PDB file of N, CA and C in Angstrom:
ATOM      1  N   MET A   1      48.738   4.859  50.016  1.00  0.00           N
ATOM      2  CA  MET A   1      47.620   5.816  49.891  1.00  0.00           C
ATOM      3  C   MET A   1      48.035   7.201  50.380  1.00  0.00           C
ATOM      4  N   LYS A   2      49.325   7.403  50.542  1.00  0.00           N
ATOM      5  CA  LYS A   2      49.802   8.711  50.996  1.00  0.00           C
ATOM      6  C   LYS A   2      49.445   9.803  50.001  1.00  0.00           C
ATOM      7  N   ASN A   3      49.269   9.413  48.738  1.00  0.00           N
ATOM      8  CA  ASN A   3      48.973  10.396  47.695  1.00  0.00           C
ATOM      9  C   ASN A   3      47.651  11.102  47.942  1.00  0.00           C
ATOM     10  N   LEU A   4      46.765  10.487  48.741  1.00  0.00           N
ATOM     11  CA  LEU A   4      45.462  11.095  48.992  1.00  0.00           C
ATOM     12  C   LEU A   4      45.607  12.450  49.673  1.00  0.00           C
ATOM     13  N   ILE A   5      46.714  12.626  50.389  1.00  0.00           N
ATOM     14  CA  ILE A   5      46.951  13.890  51.079  1.00  0.00           C
ATOM     15  C   ILE A   5      47.065  15.035  50.079  1.00  0.00           C
ATOM     16  N   ARG A   6      47.497  14.707  48.859  1.00  0.00           N
ATOM     17  CA  ARG A   6      47.758  15.741  47.863  1.00  0.00           C
ATOM     18  C   ARG A   6      46.560  15.985  46.946  1.00  0.00           C
ATOM     19  N   LEU A   7      45.430  15.356  47.258  1.00  0.00           N
ATOM     20  CA  LEU A   7      44.280  15.495  46.374  1.00  0.00           C
ATOM     21  C   LEU A   7      43.792  16.934  46.281  1.00  0.00           C
ATOM     22  N   SER A   8      44.082  17.734  47.309  1.00  0.00           N
ATOM     23  CA  SER A   8      43.626  19.119  47.294  1.00  0.00           C
ATOM     24  C   SER A   8      44.250  19.908  46.149  1.00  0.00           C
ATOM     25  N   GLU A   9      45.314  19.353  45.560  1.00  0.00           N
ATOM     26  CA  GLU A   9      45.980  20.040  44.454  1.00  0.00           C
ATOM     27  C   GLU A   9      45.220  19.861  43.143  1.00  0.00           C
ATOM     28  N   TYR A  10      44.266  18.941  43.147  1.00  0.00           N
ATOM     29  CA  TYR A  10      43.522  18.648  41.923  1.00  0.00           C
ATOM     30  C   TYR A  10      42.099  19.182  42.036  1.00  0.00           C
ATOM     31  N   SER A  11      41.485  19.409  40.889  1.00  0.00           N
ATOM     32  CA  SER A  11      40.079  19.784  40.905  1.00  0.00           C
ATOM     33  C   SER A  11      39.253  18.543  41.199  1.00  0.00           C
ATOM     34  N   ARG A  12      38.012  18.741  41.618  1.00  0.00           N
ATOM     35  CA  ARG A  12      37.155  17.605  41.961  1.00  0.00           C
ATOM     36  C   ARG A  12      36.995  16.660  40.771  1.00  0.00           C
ATOM     37  N   SER A  13      36.812  17.188  39.580  1.00  0.00           N
ATOM     38  CA  SER A  13      36.606  16.336  38.406  1.00  0.00           C
ATOM     39  C   SER A  13      37.849  15.500  38.129  1.00  0.00           C
ATOM     40  N   ASP A  14      39.033  16.085  38.321  1.00  0.00           N
ATOM     41  CA  ASP A  14      40.265  15.331  38.104  1.00  0.00           C
ATOM     42  C   ASP A  14      40.371  14.176  39.098  1.00  0.00           C
ATOM     43  N   VAL A  15      40.009  14.465  40.361  1.00  0.00           N
ATOM     44  CA  VAL A  15      40.072  13.432  41.394  1.00  0.00           C
ATOM     45  C   VAL A  15      39.113  12.300  41.065  1.00  0.00           C
ATOM     46  N   GLU A  16      37.904  12.666  40.644  1.00  0.00           N
ATOM     47  CA  GLU A  16      36.922  11.629  40.307  1.00  0.00           C
ATOM     48  C   GLU A  16      37.414  10.798  39.136  1.00  0.00           C
ATOM     49  N   ASN A  17      38.057  11.439  38.153  1.00  0.00           N
ATOM     50  CA  ASN A  17      38.578  10.722  36.995  1.00  0.00           C
ATOM     51  C   ASN A  17      39.700   9.769  37.408  1.00  0.00           C
ATOM     52  N   ILE A  18      40.557  10.238  38.306  1.00  0.00           N
ATOM     53  CA  ILE A  18      41.660   9.397  38.777  1.00  0.00           C
ATOM     54  C   ILE A  18      41.114   8.142  39.449  1.00  0.00           C
ATOM     55  N   PHE A  19      40.106   8.319  40.305  1.00  0.00           N
ATOM     56  CA  PHE A  19      39.561   7.165  41.005  1.00  0.00           C
ATOM     57  C   PHE A  19      38.785   6.261  40.058  1.00  0.00           C
ATOM     58  N   HIS A  20      38.152   6.853  39.060  1.00  0.00           N
ATOM     59  CA  HIS A  20      37.437   6.038  38.072  1.00  0.00           C
ATOM     60  C   HIS A  20      38.432   5.164  37.307  1.00  0.00           C
ATOM     61  N   ILE A  21      39.552   5.752  36.892  1.00  0.00           N
ATOM     62  CA  ILE A  21      40.580   5.000  36.180  1.00  0.00           C
ATOM     63  C   ILE A  21      41.142   3.903  37.084  1.00  0.00           C
ATOM     64  N   ALA A  22      41.388   4.232  38.341  1.00  0.00           N
ATOM     65  CA  ALA A  22      41.914   3.237  39.275  1.00  0.00           C
ATOM     66  C   ALA A  22      40.932   2.080  39.434  1.00  0.00           C
ATOM     67  N   ASP A  23      39.645   2.406  39.502  1.00  0.00           N
ATOM     68  CA  ASP A  23      38.627   1.359  39.631  1.00  0.00           C
ATOM     69  C   ASP A  23      38.600   0.483  38.390  1.00  0.00           C
ATOM     70  N   GLU A  24      38.684   1.106  37.228  1.00  0.00           N
ATOM     71  CA  GLU A  24      38.702   0.340  35.975  1.00  0.00           C
ATOM     72  C   GLU A  24      39.952  -0.538  35.905  1.00  0.00           C
ATOM     73  N   LEU A  25      41.084  -0.001  36.379  1.00  0.00           N
ATOM     74  CA  LEU A  25      42.317  -0.785  36.372  1.00  0.00           C
ATOM     75  C   LEU A  25      42.169  -2.019  37.253  1.00  0.00           C
ATOM     76  N   GLN A  26      41.521  -1.845  38.408  1.00  0.00           N
ATOM     77  CA  GLN A  26      41.327  -2.982  39.307  1.00  0.00           C
ATOM     78  C   GLN A  26      40.444  -4.038  38.663  1.00  0.00           C
ATOM     79  N   ARG A  27      39.543  -3.608  37.807  1.00  0.00           N
ATOM     80  CA  ARG A  27      38.663  -4.555  37.125  1.00  0.00           C
ATOM     81  C   ARG A  27      39.361  -5.196  35.929  1.00  0.00           C
ATOM     82  N   GLY A  28      40.553  -4.692  35.591  1.00  0.00           N
ATOM     83  CA  GLY A  28      41.340  -5.291  34.518  1.00  0.00           C
ATOM     84  C   GLY A  28      40.955  -4.804  33.135  1.00  0.00           C
ATOM     85  N   LYS A  29      40.150  -3.742  33.042  1.00  0.00           N
ATOM     86  CA  LYS A  29      39.699  -3.276  31.735  1.00  0.00           C
ATOM     87  C   LYS A  29      40.818  -2.619  30.940  1.00  0.00           C
ATOM     88  N   TYR A  30      41.862  -2.169  31.646  1.00  0.00           N
ATOM     89  CA  TYR A  30      42.978  -1.542  30.943  1.00  0.00           C
ATOM     90  C   TYR A  30      44.205  -2.450  30.949  1.00  0.00           C
ATOM     91  N   LYS A  31      43.963  -3.743  31.183  1.00  0.00           N
ATOM     92  CA  LYS A  31      45.078  -4.675  31.290  1.00  0.00           C
ATOM     93  C   LYS A  31      45.939  -4.642  30.037  1.00  0.00           C
ATOM     94  N   GLU A  32      45.308  -4.490  28.888  1.00  0.00           N
ATOM     95  CA  GLU A  32      46.063  -4.494  27.637  1.00  0.00           C
ATOM     96  C   GLU A  32      46.939  -3.246  27.517  1.00  0.00           C
ATOM     97  N   LEU A  33      46.627  -2.212  28.255  1.00  0.00           N
ATOM     98  CA  LEU A  33      47.426  -0.986  28.175  1.00  0.00           C
ATOM     99  C   LEU A  33      48.623  -1.027  29.119  1.00  0.00           C
ATOM    100  N   THR A  34      48.562  -1.909  30.115  1.00  0.00           N
ATOM    101  CA  THR A  34      49.621  -1.931  31.129  1.00  0.00           C
ATOM    102  C   THR A  34      50.594  -3.066  30.911  1.00  0.00           C
ATOM    103  N   THR A  35      50.362  -3.907  29.888  1.00  0.00           N
ATOM    104  CA  THR A  35      51.256  -5.038  29.647  1.00  0.00           C
ATOM    105  C   THR A  35      52.223  -4.724  28.516  1.00  0.00           C
TER     106      THR A  35
END
Protein backbone atom coordinates (compact mmCIF):
# COMPACT_ATOMS: atom_id res chain seq x y z
CA MET A 1 0.00 0.00 0.00
CA LYS A 2 3.03 2.25 -0.32
CA ASN A 3 1.49 3.61 -3.51
CA LEU A 4 -1.07 5.49 -1.41
CA ILE A 5 1.66 8.00 -0.59
CA ARG A 6 1.67 9.05 -4.24
CA LEU A 7 -2.07 9.63 -4.50
CA SER A 8 -1.50 13.37 -4.30
CA GLU A 9 -0.17 13.15 -7.86
CA TYR A 10 -3.62 12.19 -9.12
CA SER A 11 -6.84 14.13 -9.28
CA ARG A 12 -9.61 13.09 -6.90
CA SER A 13 -11.67 11.54 -9.72
CA ASP A 14 -8.69 9.47 -10.88
CA VAL A 15 -8.13 8.20 -7.34
CA GLU A 16 -11.78 7.27 -6.96
CA ASN A 17 -11.67 5.46 -10.31
CA ILE A 18 -8.54 3.55 -9.29
CA PHE A 19 -10.16 2.38 -6.07
CA HIS A 20 -13.39 1.52 -7.87
CA ILE A 21 -11.45 -0.66 -10.33
CA ALA A 22 -9.54 -2.27 -7.46
CA ASP A 23 -12.82 -3.03 -5.69
CA GLU A 24 -14.29 -4.54 -8.85
CA LEU A 25 -11.13 -6.61 -9.32
CA GLN A 26 -11.48 -7.97 -5.79
CA ARG A 27 -15.03 -8.99 -6.63
CA GLY A 28 -13.71 -10.84 -9.68
CA LYS A 29 -15.73 -8.85 -12.22
CA TYR A 30 -12.64 -8.29 -14.36
CA LYS A 31 -11.33 -11.82 -13.94
CA GLU A 32 -11.70 -12.47 -17.65
CA LEU A 33 -9.47 -9.48 -18.39
CA THR A 34 -6.64 -10.59 -16.11
CA THR A 35 -6.40 -14.22 -17.25
